[in-house]
Amino acid sequence: MRYDLNILYLAVVMMRFIGVLVIALTLSACSIFDPLVYRIDIPQGNYIEQKDVDKLRVGMSQEQVEYVLGSPVAENVFRGDVWHYVYRLKPGRGKVTTRELIIYFEDERVKRIEGDFDTPEDFYTPLDA
């Protein structure tokens, strides 16, 4: 009788252990197959290249800038003379890439630019010169 209870207790403990083992292996299997799962790239904002920024000049109107670069992602509500062009790429795998271009206007004309792009060599040469 005592022998039967020990075997029964051992069987219950083994069943619990097997149950926990099955759950642990099932959950870890998700990470094993993760490299096989396709993840999409998520681009957001205005995709701008250096060749687009090279077209900008001091004195360009806001309409001309919008024609060259498109509408800005964010216009400053409190300062309408600052436009932000932001691009963010979150690849399925890898590091997030963020690029930003800020254009400052004075009297609705380009005054200066800042951001992750190089200032063009002839940026300070107005279009009408």
Protein backbone atom coordinates (compact mmCIF):
# COMPACT_ATOMS: atom_id res chain seq x y z
CA MET A 1 0.00 0.00 0.00
CA ARG A 2 2.78 2.39 0.95
CA TYR A 3 4.59 1.36 -2.18
CA ASP A 4 1.57 2.24 -4.37
CA LEU A 5 1.31 5.76 -2.85
CA ASN A 6 4.98 6.48 -3.53
CA ILE A 7 4.59 5.42 -7.14
CA LEU A 8 1.42 7.50 -7.47
CA TYR A 9 3.17 10.55 -5.94
CA LEU A 10 6.17 10.05 -8.22
CA ALA A 11 3.84 9.80 -11.24
CA VAL A 12 2.10 13.10 -10.32
CA VAL A 13 5.45 14.86 -9.87
CA MET A 14 6.69 13.50 -13.21
CA MET A 15 3.49 14.61 -14.98
CA ARG A 16 3.87 18.14 -13.57
CA PHE A 17 7.52 18.22 -14.60
CA ILE A 18 6.67 17.03 -18.11
CA GLY A 19 3.88 19.63 -18.31
CA VAL A 20 6.24 22.46 -17.29
CA LEU A 21 8.86 21.15 -19.71
CA VAL A 22 6.37 21.07 -22.59
CA ILE A 23 5.24 24.66 -21.85
CA ALA A 24 8.85 25.89 -21.62
CA LEU A 25 9.81 24.22 -24.90
CA THR A 26 6.70 25.56 -26.62
CA LEU A 27 7.44 29.12 -25.56
CA SER A 28 11.11 28.91 -26.47
CA ALA A 29 10.23 27.53 -29.89
CA CYS A 30 8.89 30.98 -30.83
CA SER A 31 12.37 32.46 -30.54
CA ILE A 32 13.91 29.61 -32.52
CA PHE A 33 11.74 30.35 -35.57
CA ASP A 34 11.98 34.14 -35.27
CA PRO A 35 14.63 34.51 -38.01
CA LEU A 36 12.30 32.71 -40.41
CA VAL A 37 9.48 35.22 -39.88
CA TYR A 38 9.34 38.02 -42.46
CA ARG A 39 9.23 41.52 -41.00
CA ILE A 40 8.35 44.48 -43.19
CA ASP A 41 10.26 47.76 -43.36
CA ILE A 42 8.24 50.70 -42.05
CA PRO A 43 9.15 54.05 -43.66
CA GLN A 44 7.56 57.21 -42.26
CA GLY A 45 7.81 60.85 -43.26
CA ASN A 46 9.44 62.59 -46.21
CA TYR A 47 12.14 60.60 -47.97
CA ILE A 48 14.72 63.24 -48.94
CA GLU A 49 18.11 62.69 -50.54
CA GLN A 50 21.08 65.02 -50.68
CA LYS A 51 20.37 65.74 -54.36
CA ASP A 52 16.99 67.19 -53.32
CA VAL A 53 18.60 69.39 -50.67
CA ASP A 54 21.15 70.55 -53.27
CA LYS A 55 18.28 72.23 -55.16
CA LEU A 56 17.52 74.59 -52.25
CA ARG A 57 18.69 78.20 -52.36
CA VAL A 58 18.48 81.19 -50.05
CA GLY A 59 15.52 83.34 -50.98
CA MET A 60 13.33 80.54 -52.36
CA SER A 61 9.64 80.96 -51.59
CA GLN A 62 7.72 78.46 -49.50
CA GLU A 63 5.90 77.31 -52.64
CA GLN A 64 9.19 76.59 -54.40
CA VAL A 65 10.48 74.61 -51.41
CA GLU A 66 7.25 72.62 -51.31
CA TYR A 67 7.61 71.90 -55.04
CA VAL A 68 11.18 70.61 -54.55
CA LEU A 69 10.75 68.66 -51.29
CA GLY A 70 7.01 68.14 -50.92
CA SER A 71 4.88 69.13 -47.96
CA PRO A 72 6.68 69.10 -44.61
CA VAL A 73 5.85 66.37 -42.12
CA ALA A 74 5.38 68.91 -39.35
CA GLU A 75 4.85 72.62 -39.47
CA ASN A 76 5.46 74.47 -36.25
CA VAL A 77 2.05 75.68 -35.09
CA PHE A 78 3.54 78.51 -33.08
CA ARG A 79 6.15 79.46 -35.68
CA GLY A 80 4.96 79.08 -39.26
CA ASP A 81 8.39 80.10 -40.48
CA VAL A 82 9.99 76.75 -39.55
CA TRP A 83 9.38 73.57 -41.52
CA HIS A 84 10.50 70.12 -40.39
CA TYR A 85 11.15 67.34 -42.87
CA VAL A 86 11.65 64.11 -40.91
CA TYR A 87 12.23 60.63 -42.31
CA ARG A 88 12.28 57.51 -40.16
CA LEU A 89 12.90 53.98 -41.41
CA LYS A 90 12.30 51.05 -39.09
CA PRO A 91 13.61 47.99 -40.92
CA GLY A 92 12.23 44.57 -40.13
CA ARG A 93 15.62 43.74 -38.71
CA GLY A 94 18.35 46.18 -37.87
CA LYS A 95 18.72 49.70 -36.55
CA VAL A 96 16.19 52.49 -36.97
CA THR A 97 17.37 55.28 -39.30
CA THR A 98 16.21 58.87 -38.78
CA ARG A 99 17.06 61.86 -40.98
CA GLU A 100 15.89 65.40 -40.43
CA LEU A 101 15.97 68.67 -42.35
CA ILE A 102 14.80 71.92 -40.78
CA ILE A 103 14.16 74.93 -43.01
CA TYR A 104 13.91 78.40 -41.53
CA PHE A 105 12.02 81.12 -43.40
CA GLU A 106 12.04 84.88 -43.03
CA ASP A 107 9.24 86.81 -44.79
CA GLU A 108 8.20 83.51 -46.44
CA ARG A 109 11.67 83.10 -48.01
CA VAL A 110 14.35 80.53 -47.14
CA LYS A 111 16.83 81.96 -44.67
CA ARG A 112 18.84 78.90 -43.56
CA ILE A 113 18.71 75.11 -43.23
CA GLU A 114 19.81 72.68 -40.53
CA GLY A 115 19.78 68.96 -40.05
CA ASP A 116 21.44 65.75 -41.13
CA PHE A 117 22.17 66.91 -44.68
CA ASP A 118 25.15 68.89 -45.97
CA THR A 119 24.50 72.49 -46.92
CA PRO A 120 24.90 72.79 -50.71
CA GLU A 121 27.90 74.77 -51.97
CA ASP A 122 25.72 77.21 -53.90
CA PHE A 123 23.00 77.44 -51.22
CA TYR A 124 23.85 81.06 -50.50
CA THR A 125 23.61 81.99 -54.20
CA PRO A 126 20.02 83.15 -54.86
CA LEU A 127 18.21 81.67 -57.89
CA ASP A 128 17.80 85.07 -59.57
CA ALA A 129 21.52 85.91 -59.41
